[in-house]
Amino acid sequence: MKCENKISKEEAKKLFVEYEETRDRDIRDQLIENYLYIPKILSRKYGHKNGDNEDVFQVACLGLMYAVDRFDTSRGYEFDTFATPTIIGEIKRHYRDREWLIRIPRKIQELNREVNQTRTMLEHKNMRTPTISEIALHLEISEESIIKSMESNFAYYPKSLSMEYESGGDGKEVCLMDLLGTPDNNIQNVENIDLLKRKIEALNPLEKIIVEQRFFREKTQKEVAMIINKSQMTVSRIEKRVMEKIKEDL
């Protein structure tokens, strides 16, 4: 958008009054275009991190839209004076919300800043790294809160999985990825295994022998029949009955 035909302050004021009454989108667009120079100036001033000027300009324009919607002509302010802090607030919120790679509650973010400032201050004062209890005592909060705040630093300073560490005195290095645990594919079967054990314990002595010999010692039905002095058909029938009962419970 261009603002070659910039309107006067008196004309702008009339447009604001009309917009308050009608909420006409065309008037809103005209006002935004007229004051577009404000986000341009502020985005150049604050958009210096990692070359994100264009992103900051878009955020600043969003702040300008909010300012146009909220501006009250009856208060006697100049729009420039009213819009500037609104736009700057949006820019600061943009940086604050995006600098944390993992979203951390605002309360923890603020505590983290206090802890870091206190740690630096105590470090300079005592000429050594302060303990958690010293920081907690200075801020008059619990040590648990300090630890929780320090843990949030990992959301701000992530570690690469390819980072290498010394594994011991042998000088060898190991990759961080190799130190991470892997999912246990059997974890979902823990409850089933426990239930199976209890069901087997509840079987009568003959059924227990058949299950043990067939499934834990891998005997054939014929071999089991010889052990319990029964027919192979009897072993097959009992085995089938037990398996159907256990399957039903599982």
Protein backbone atom coordinates (compact mmCIF):
# COMPACT_ATOMS: atom_id res chain seq x y z
CA MET A 1 0.00 0.00 0.00
CA LYS A 2 1.16 3.50 -0.73
CA CYS A 3 0.50 6.62 1.28
CA GLU A 4 1.16 9.24 -1.40
CA ASN A 5 -2.15 11.02 -0.69
CA LYS A 6 -1.67 11.47 3.03
CA ILE A 7 -4.72 13.07 4.60
CA SER A 8 -4.56 15.92 7.10
CA LYS A 9 -5.04 15.50 10.84
CA GLU A 10 -8.47 17.13 10.69
CA GLU A 11 -9.59 14.81 7.89
CA ALA A 12 -8.19 11.82 9.78
CA LYS A 13 -10.08 12.84 12.91
CA LYS A 14 -13.34 13.03 10.95
CA LEU A 15 -12.66 9.60 9.50
CA PHE A 16 -12.03 8.18 12.99
CA VAL A 17 -15.32 9.63 14.24
CA GLU A 18 -17.15 8.16 11.25
CA TYR A 19 -15.43 4.80 11.72
CA GLU A 20 -16.42 4.70 15.41
CA GLU A 21 -20.04 5.12 14.34
CA THR A 22 -20.15 2.89 11.26
CA ARG A 23 -17.21 0.46 11.53
CA ASP A 24 -16.96 0.73 7.76
CA ARG A 25 -14.09 -1.42 6.42
CA ASP A 26 -13.25 1.04 3.64
CA ILE A 27 -12.73 3.83 6.18
CA ARG A 28 -10.63 1.47 8.30
CA ASP A 29 -8.44 0.60 5.30
CA GLN A 30 -8.05 4.29 4.46
CA LEU A 31 -6.91 5.08 8.01
CA ILE A 32 -4.48 2.15 8.07
CA GLU A 33 -2.99 3.23 4.75
CA ASN A 34 -2.66 6.80 5.98
CA TYR A 35 -0.71 5.80 9.11
CA LEU A 36 1.33 3.01 7.53
CA TYR A 37 4.46 5.09 8.01
CA ILE A 38 4.35 4.36 11.78
CA PRO A 39 4.87 0.56 11.51
CA LYS A 40 7.46 1.19 8.78
CA ILE A 41 9.52 3.36 11.13
CA LEU A 42 9.10 1.08 14.15
CA SER A 43 9.82 -2.15 12.26
CA ARG A 44 13.09 -0.66 10.96
CA LYS A 45 13.99 0.26 14.53
CA TYR A 46 13.15 -3.08 16.16
CA GLY A 47 13.48 -5.57 13.31
CA HIS A 48 17.15 -6.35 13.72
CA LYS A 49 17.20 -9.99 14.86
CA ASN A 50 18.26 -12.51 12.22
CA GLY A 51 17.12 -10.25 9.40
CA ASP A 52 13.44 -10.62 10.29
CA ASN A 53 12.47 -7.07 9.29
CA GLU A 54 9.65 -8.24 7.03
CA ASP A 55 8.11 -10.38 9.79
CA VAL A 56 8.36 -7.52 12.25
CA PHE A 57 6.75 -5.16 9.74
CA GLN A 58 3.79 -7.51 9.39
CA VAL A 59 3.46 -7.68 13.19
CA ALA A 60 3.71 -3.88 13.39
CA CYS A 61 0.93 -3.56 10.78
CA LEU A 62 -1.20 -5.85 12.93
CA GLY A 63 -0.55 -3.52 15.85
CA LEU A 64 -1.62 -0.58 13.69
CA MET A 65 -4.91 -2.34 12.90
CA TYR A 66 -5.53 -2.90 16.61
CA ALA A 67 -4.76 0.76 17.30
CA VAL A 68 -7.21 1.95 14.62
CA ASP A 69 -9.94 -0.28 16.07
CA ARG A 70 -9.34 0.90 19.65
CA PHE A 71 -8.71 4.60 19.09
CA ASP A 72 -11.16 6.85 20.92
CA THR A 73 -11.27 10.43 19.54
CA SER A 74 -13.09 11.72 22.63
CA ARG A 75 -9.98 11.26 24.79
CA GLY A 76 -8.12 14.00 22.93
CA TYR A 77 -5.00 12.01 22.05
CA GLU A 78 -3.16 12.28 18.75
CA PHE A 79 -3.40 8.96 16.94
CA ASP A 80 0.39 8.73 16.52
CA THR A 81 0.83 8.97 20.30
CA PHE A 82 -1.80 6.31 20.90
CA ALA A 83 -0.68 3.89 18.17
CA THR A 84 3.07 3.82 18.88
CA PRO A 85 3.00 1.94 22.24
CA THR A 86 0.36 -0.43 20.88
CA ILE A 87 2.56 -1.33 17.90
CA ILE A 88 5.71 -1.62 20.03
CA GLY A 89 3.81 -3.90 22.40
CA GLU A 90 2.92 -6.24 19.52
CA ILE A 91 6.55 -6.31 18.33
CA LYS A 92 7.84 -7.15 21.83
CA ARG A 93 5.20 -9.86 22.18
CA HIS A 94 6.34 -11.26 18.82
CA TYR A 95 9.91 -11.65 20.06
CA ARG A 96 8.92 -12.86 23.50
CA ASP A 97 6.65 -15.62 22.18
CA ARG A 98 9.00 -16.83 19.44
CA GLU A 99 12.37 -16.83 21.16
CA TRP A 100 11.31 -19.88 23.17
CA LEU A 101 11.48 -22.93 20.91
CA ILE A 102 9.22 -24.85 23.29
CA ARG A 103 6.23 -22.94 24.59
CA ILE A 104 6.77 -22.16 28.29
CA PRO A 105 4.11 -20.57 30.56
CA ARG A 106 4.59 -16.81 30.84
CA LYS A 107 4.98 -17.05 34.63
CA ILE A 108 7.94 -19.44 34.23
CA GLN A 109 9.50 -17.21 31.57
CA GLU A 110 9.37 -14.21 33.89
CA LEU A 111 10.77 -16.23 36.80
CA ASN A 112 13.55 -17.47 34.55
CA ARG A 113 14.59 -13.88 33.80
CA GLU A 114 14.60 -13.02 37.51
CA VAL A 115 16.67 -16.10 38.35
CA ASN A 116 19.23 -15.34 35.62
CA GLN A 117 19.54 -11.72 36.74
CA THR A 118 19.93 -12.75 40.40
CA ARG A 119 22.50 -15.41 39.54
CA THR A 120 24.60 -12.86 37.62
CA MET A 121 24.33 -10.33 40.44
CA LEU A 122 25.34 -12.84 43.15
CA GLU A 123 28.14 -14.16 40.97
CA HIS A 124 29.68 -10.71 40.70
CA LYS A 125 29.08 -9.99 44.38
CA ASN A 126 30.52 -13.23 45.76
CA MET A 127 33.05 -13.91 42.98
CA ARG A 128 31.70 -17.44 42.54
CA THR A 129 28.69 -19.25 41.14
CA PRO A 130 25.78 -18.99 43.61
CA THR A 131 24.02 -22.08 44.87
CA ILE A 132 20.34 -22.76 44.26
CA SER A 133 19.58 -22.14 47.93
CA GLU A 134 21.32 -18.72 47.78
CA ILE A 135 19.26 -17.68 44.74
CA ALA A 136 16.07 -18.95 46.39
CA LEU A 137 16.89 -17.06 49.59
CA HIS A 138 17.53 -13.81 47.68
CA LEU A 139 14.27 -14.08 45.69
CA GLU A 140 12.36 -15.41 48.71
CA ILE A 141 10.93 -18.38 46.81
CA SER A 142 11.37 -22.14 47.09
CA GLU A 143 14.38 -24.04 45.73
CA GLU A 144 11.94 -26.18 43.74
CA SER A 145 10.77 -23.06 41.87
CA ILE A 146 14.39 -22.16 41.07
CA ILE A 147 15.06 -25.64 39.68
CA LYS A 148 11.87 -25.52 37.58
CA SER A 149 12.97 -22.17 36.19
CA MET A 150 16.45 -23.46 35.33
CA GLU A 151 14.95 -26.48 33.57
CA SER A 152 13.05 -24.10 31.28
CA ASN A 153 16.41 -22.92 29.90
CA PHE A 154 16.51 -26.10 27.83
CA ALA A 155 13.55 -24.75 25.84
CA TYR A 156 15.58 -21.64 25.04
CA TYR A 157 18.94 -23.25 24.40
CA PRO A 158 18.24 -26.57 22.67
CA LYS A 159 21.00 -29.17 22.28
CA SER A 160 21.70 -30.82 18.95
CA LEU A 161 21.28 -34.60 18.85
CA SER A 162 24.60 -34.75 17.02
CA MET A 163 26.43 -33.05 19.92
CA GLU A 164 29.27 -35.21 21.23
CA TYR A 165 30.36 -35.79 24.83
CA GLU A 166 33.35 -37.49 26.39
CA SER A 167 32.21 -40.91 27.57
CA GLY A 168 34.87 -41.30 30.26
CA GLY A 169 38.58 -41.26 30.92
CA ASP A 170 39.37 -43.12 27.72
CA GLY A 171 38.98 -39.94 25.65
CA LYS A 172 36.29 -41.45 23.42
CA GLU A 173 33.28 -39.35 22.46
CA VAL A 174 29.69 -40.42 22.25
CA CYS A 175 26.85 -38.77 20.36
CA LEU A 176 23.90 -37.37 22.36
CA MET A 177 21.51 -39.39 20.19
CA ASP A 178 23.24 -42.59 21.36
CA LEU A 179 22.59 -41.65 24.99
CA LEU A 180 18.85 -41.27 24.52
CA GLY A 181 16.59 -44.11 25.49
CA THR A 182 14.57 -46.02 22.92
CA PRO A 183 10.90 -46.98 23.21
CA ASP A 184 10.32 -50.35 24.85
CA ASN A 185 8.09 -52.23 22.44
CA ASN A 186 7.08 -54.63 25.22
CA ILE A 187 5.82 -51.95 27.61
CA GLN A 188 2.27 -52.29 26.29
CA ASN A 189 2.31 -56.00 27.11
CA VAL A 190 3.17 -55.54 30.80
CA GLU A 191 -0.47 -55.61 31.95
CA ASN A 192 -1.26 -58.58 29.72
CA ILE A 193 1.73 -60.53 31.03
CA ASP A 194 0.71 -59.81 34.62
CA LEU A 195 -2.85 -60.90 33.90
CA LEU A 196 -1.59 -64.06 32.17
CA LYS A 197 0.53 -64.99 35.20
CA ARG A 198 -2.45 -64.60 37.52
CA LYS A 199 -4.67 -66.68 35.24
CA ILE A 200 -2.10 -69.48 35.10
CA GLU A 201 -1.80 -69.42 38.91
CA ALA A 202 -5.58 -69.89 39.12
CA LEU A 203 -5.54 -73.09 37.00
CA ASN A 204 -5.99 -76.50 38.60
CA PRO A 205 -2.85 -78.72 38.96
CA LEU A 206 -3.52 -80.72 35.78
CA GLU A 207 -4.10 -77.60 33.68
CA LYS A 208 -0.94 -76.00 35.09
CA ILE A 209 1.16 -79.01 34.08
CA ILE A 210 -0.23 -79.01 30.55
CA VAL A 211 0.34 -75.24 30.09
CA GLU A 212 3.85 -75.41 31.56
CA GLN A 213 4.92 -78.41 29.49
CA ARG A 214 3.32 -77.20 26.25
CA PHE A 215 4.21 -73.49 26.27
CA PHE A 216 7.21 -73.13 28.55
CA ARG A 217 9.04 -76.41 27.92
CA GLU A 218 7.77 -76.73 24.34
CA LYS A 219 6.65 -80.34 24.65
CA THR A 220 4.31 -81.87 22.07
CA GLN A 221 0.80 -82.93 23.05
CA LYS A 222 1.89 -86.55 22.72
CA GLU A 223 4.81 -86.01 25.11
CA VAL A 224 2.58 -84.23 27.62
CA ALA A 225 0.03 -87.05 27.42
CA MET A 226 2.75 -89.54 28.37
CA ILE A 227 3.84 -87.34 31.33
CA ILE A 228 0.34 -87.07 32.85
CA ASN A 229 -0.72 -90.57 31.76
CA LYS A 230 -3.68 -89.29 29.74
CA SER A 231 -4.65 -89.54 26.08
CA GLN A 232 -3.42 -86.99 23.55
CA MET A 233 -7.06 -86.10 22.87
CA THR A 234 -7.56 -85.25 26.57
CA VAL A 235 -4.48 -83.00 26.51
CA SER A 236 -5.75 -81.28 23.36
CA ARG A 237 -9.22 -80.72 24.87
CA ILE A 238 -7.88 -79.31 28.15
CA GLU A 239 -5.36 -77.12 26.33
CA LYS A 240 -8.06 -75.71 24.06
CA ARG A 241 -10.37 -74.98 27.00
CA VAL A 242 -7.63 -73.21 28.96
CA MET A 243 -6.52 -71.13 25.95
CA GLU A 244 -10.06 -70.03 25.15
CA LYS A 245 -10.58 -68.96 28.77
CA ILE A 246 -7.34 -67.00 28.91
CA LYS A 247 -7.99 -65.35 25.52
CA GLU A 248 -11.42 -64.28 26.67
CA ASP A 249 -9.99 -62.67 29.81
CA LEU A 250 -7.24 -60.92 27.88
